[in-house]
C-alpha atoms as a PDB file:
ATOM      1  CA  MET A   1      -0.233  12.453 -31.127  1.00  0.00           C
ATOM      2  CA  THR A   2       0.762  15.684 -29.423  1.00  0.00           C
ATOM      3  CA  ARG A   3       3.617  17.749 -30.760  1.00  0.00           C
ATOM      4  CA  THR A   4       5.064  20.700 -28.867  1.00  0.00           C
ATOM      5  CA  VAL A   5       6.495  23.515 -30.953  1.00  0.00           C
ATOM      6  CA  PRO A   6       8.602  26.050 -29.045  1.00  0.00           C
ATOM      7  CA  SER A   7       7.601  29.586 -29.882  1.00  0.00           C
ATOM      8  CA  THR A   8       7.682  33.098 -28.487  1.00  0.00           C
ATOM      9  CA  PRO A   9       5.020  35.823 -28.516  1.00  0.00           C
ATOM     10  CA  TYR A  10       4.965  38.370 -31.313  1.00  0.00           C
ATOM     11  CA  SER A  11       4.802  42.063 -30.514  1.00  0.00           C
ATOM     12  CA  GLY A  12       1.272  43.392 -31.024  1.00  0.00           C
ATOM     13  CA  GLN A  13      -0.305  39.943 -31.277  1.00  0.00           C
ATOM     14  CA  LYS A  14      -3.689  40.003 -29.530  1.00  0.00           C
ATOM     15  CA  PRO A  15      -6.200  37.124 -29.484  1.00  0.00           C
ATOM     16  CA  GLY A  16      -9.216  39.254 -30.351  1.00  0.00           C
ATOM     17  CA  THR A  17     -10.795  40.619 -33.506  1.00  0.00           C
ATOM     18  CA  SER A  18      -8.207  43.413 -33.652  1.00  0.00           C
ATOM     19  CA  GLY A  19      -5.544  40.697 -33.870  1.00  0.00           C
ATOM     20  CA  LEU A  20      -7.118  39.445 -37.073  1.00  0.00           C
ATOM     21  CA  ARG A  21      -6.700  42.780 -38.825  1.00  0.00           C
ATOM     22  CA  LYS A  22      -3.121  42.181 -39.851  1.00  0.00           C
ATOM     23  CA  LYS A  23      -1.593  41.961 -43.286  1.00  0.00           C
ATOM     24  CA  VAL A  24      -1.076  38.488 -44.768  1.00  0.00           C
ATOM     25  CA  LYS A  25       2.716  38.883 -44.499  1.00  0.00           C
ATOM     26  CA  VAL A  26       2.310  39.147 -40.715  1.00  0.00           C
ATOM     27  CA  PHE A  27       0.264  35.927 -40.510  1.00  0.00           C
ATOM     28  CA  GLN A  28       2.808  34.178 -42.747  1.00  0.00           C
ATOM     29  CA  GLN A  29       5.608  34.640 -40.196  1.00  0.00           C
ATOM     30  CA  ASP A  30       6.799  31.416 -38.571  1.00  0.00           C
ATOM     31  CA  ASN A  31       4.231  30.239 -36.005  1.00  0.00           C
ATOM     32  CA  TYR A  32       2.294  33.547 -36.028  1.00  0.00           C
ATOM     33  CA  ALA A  33      -1.055  32.045 -36.999  1.00  0.00           C
ATOM     34  CA  GLU A  34      -0.478  29.023 -34.775  1.00  0.00           C
ATOM     35  CA  ASN A  35       0.318  31.271 -31.783  1.00  0.00           C
ATOM     36  CA  PHE A  36      -2.841  33.274 -32.429  1.00  0.00           C
ATOM     37  CA  VAL A  37      -5.049  30.188 -32.726  1.00  0.00           C
ATOM     38  CA  GLN A  38      -3.526  28.502 -29.667  1.00  0.00           C
ATOM     39  CA  ALA A  39      -4.064  31.663 -27.593  1.00  0.00           C
ATOM     40  CA  VAL A  40      -7.754  31.604 -28.530  1.00  0.00           C
ATOM     41  CA  PHE A  41      -8.036  27.876 -27.777  1.00  0.00           C
ATOM     42  CA  ASP A  42      -6.396  28.433 -24.383  1.00  0.00           C
ATOM     43  CA  VAL A  43      -9.169  30.805 -23.275  1.00  0.00           C
ATOM     44  CA  VAL A  44     -12.210  29.153 -24.889  1.00  0.00           C
ATOM     45  CA  GLU A  45     -14.371  27.271 -22.428  1.00  0.00           C
ATOM     46  CA  ARG A  46     -14.810  23.681 -23.588  1.00  0.00           C
ATOM     47  CA  THR A  47     -18.382  22.527 -23.184  1.00  0.00           C
ATOM     48  CA  PRO A  48     -19.134  18.816 -23.713  1.00  0.00           C
ATOM     49  CA  GLY A  49     -21.186  18.287 -26.862  1.00  0.00           C
ATOM     50  CA  SER A  50     -20.312  21.696 -28.295  1.00  0.00           C
ATOM     51  CA  THR A  51     -19.156  22.300 -31.856  1.00  0.00           C
ATOM     52  CA  LEU A  52     -16.381  24.581 -33.061  1.00  0.00           C
ATOM     53  CA  VAL A  53     -17.169  26.329 -36.341  1.00  0.00           C
ATOM     54  CA  LEU A  54     -14.164  27.471 -38.350  1.00  0.00           C
ATOM     55  CA  GLY A  55     -14.319  29.675 -41.414  1.00  0.00           C
ATOM     56  CA  GLY A  56     -13.113  32.829 -43.039  1.00  0.00           C
ATOM     57  CA  ASP A  57     -13.854  35.324 -45.765  1.00  0.00           C
ATOM     58  CA  GLY A  58     -12.143  33.283 -48.475  1.00  0.00           C
ATOM     59  CA  ARG A  59      -9.351  35.705 -49.173  1.00  0.00           C
ATOM     60  CA  TYR A  60      -5.687  34.864 -49.746  1.00  0.00           C
ATOM     61  CA  HIS A  61      -4.074  32.679 -47.041  1.00  0.00           C
ATOM     62  CA  ASN A  62      -7.493  31.712 -45.630  1.00  0.00           C
ATOM     63  CA  ARG A  63      -7.224  28.043 -46.608  1.00  0.00           C
ATOM     64  CA  THR A  64      -3.702  27.749 -45.180  1.00  0.00           C
ATOM     65  CA  VAL A  65      -4.687  29.129 -41.767  1.00  0.00           C
ATOM     66  CA  ILE A  66      -7.793  26.916 -41.666  1.00  0.00           C
ATOM     67  CA  GLN A  67      -5.611  23.842 -42.291  1.00  0.00           C
ATOM     68  CA  GLN A  68      -3.134  24.974 -39.614  1.00  0.00           C
ATOM     69  CA  THR A  69      -6.025  25.425 -37.165  1.00  0.00           C
ATOM     70  CA  ILE A  70      -7.410  21.955 -37.889  1.00  0.00           C
ATOM     71  CA  ARG A  71      -3.977  20.449 -37.171  1.00  0.00           C
ATOM     72  CA  ILE A  72      -3.845  22.246 -33.814  1.00  0.00           C
END
């Protein structure tokens, strides 16, 4: 099932490693993490038979964003 969630870009949101260096409060904004993840997915080349590895450093909010990413 596909669900479309209307959203708008956030100022300063960049889909690169510098975009990950934000405070947790920033990532907790409505749709912020989802926008970031979707932007990365939009540019990743999909290769048949490839595997996406998802992880983090285990700090606060890590589990939440991983679950959001899996749902996307």
